[in-house]
């Protein structure tokens, strides 16, 4: 419990990250992703 890796999907690829590795990840939304999110919530 509590030490399981975090599953992350980028495109069609999945990665299993340990907590230390996950803390190094920075996520940025691109303009197209923001537009898609706005369309879904409308």
C-alpha atoms as a PDB file:
ATOM      1  CA  UNK A   1       0.000   0.000   0.000  1.00  0.00           C
ATOM      2  CA  UNK A   2       0.988   3.466  -0.967  1.00  0.00           C
ATOM      3  CA  UNK A   3       4.162   2.549  -2.858  1.00  0.00           C
ATOM      4  CA  UNK A   4       2.528   1.555  -6.144  1.00  0.00           C
ATOM      5  CA  UNK A   5       3.722   3.310  -9.310  1.00  0.00           C
ATOM      6  CA  UNK A   6       1.613   6.001 -10.953  1.00  0.00           C
ATOM      7  CA  UNK A   7       0.364   5.098 -14.453  1.00  0.00           C
ATOM      8  CA  UNK A   8       0.756   7.961 -16.937  1.00  0.00           C
ATOM      9  CA  UNK A   9      -0.387   7.975 -20.558  1.00  0.00           C
ATOM     10  CA  UNK A  10       1.305  10.169 -23.163  1.00  0.00           C
ATOM     11  CA  UNK A  11      -0.338   9.751 -26.537  1.00  0.00           C
ATOM     12  CA  UNK A  12      -0.781   5.986 -26.884  1.00  0.00           C
ATOM     13  CA  UNK A  13       2.136   5.071 -24.590  1.00  0.00           C
ATOM     14  CA  UNK A  14       1.793   4.221 -20.891  1.00  0.00           C
ATOM     15  CA  UNK A  15       4.548   4.781 -18.342  1.00  0.00           C
ATOM     16  CA  UNK A  16       4.756   3.580 -14.740  1.00  0.00           C
ATOM     17  CA  UNK A  17       6.433   6.247 -12.599  1.00  0.00           C
ATOM     18  CA  UNK A  18       7.591   5.987  -9.022  1.00  0.00           C
ATOM     19  CA  UNK A  19       6.690   8.930  -6.790  1.00  0.00           C
ATOM     20  CA  UNK A  20      10.212  10.404  -7.014  1.00  0.00           C
ATOM     21  CA  UNK A  21      10.050  10.256 -10.829  1.00  0.00           C
ATOM     22  CA  UNK A  22       6.505  11.639 -10.948  1.00  0.00           C
ATOM     23  CA  UNK A  23       7.611  14.727  -9.007  1.00  0.00           C
ATOM     24  CA  UNK A  24       9.971  15.548 -11.912  1.00  0.00           C
ATOM     25  CA  UNK A  25       7.164  15.651 -14.497  1.00  0.00           C
ATOM     26  CA  UNK A  26       5.837  19.009 -15.663  1.00  0.00           C
ATOM     27  CA  UNK A  27       2.560  19.082 -17.608  1.00  0.00           C
ATOM     28  CA  UNK A  28       1.640  21.881 -19.990  1.00  0.00           C
ATOM     29  CA  UNK A  29      -1.561  22.203 -21.989  1.00  0.00           C
ATOM     30  CA  UNK A  30      -1.155  23.263 -25.584  1.00  0.00           C
ATOM     31  CA  UNK A  31      -3.643  25.596 -27.242  1.00  0.00           C
ATOM     32  CA  UNK A  32      -5.349  22.730 -29.096  1.00  0.00           C
ATOM     33  CA  UNK A  33      -5.851  20.808 -25.834  1.00  0.00           C
ATOM     34  CA  UNK A  34      -7.339  23.898 -24.198  1.00  0.00           C
ATOM     35  CA  UNK A  35      -9.758  24.343 -27.098  1.00  0.00           C
ATOM     36  CA  UNK A  36     -10.813  20.686 -26.915  1.00  0.00           C
ATOM     37  CA  UNK A  37     -11.446  21.011 -23.157  1.00  0.00           C
ATOM     38  CA  UNK A  38     -13.493  24.183 -23.689  1.00  0.00           C
ATOM     39  CA  UNK A  39     -15.605  22.475 -26.340  1.00  0.00           C
ATOM     40  CA  UNK A  40     -16.309  19.492 -24.066  1.00  0.00           C
ATOM     41  CA  UNK A  41     -17.439  21.700 -21.189  1.00  0.00           C
ATOM     42  CA  UNK A  42     -19.706  23.857 -23.402  1.00  0.00           C
END
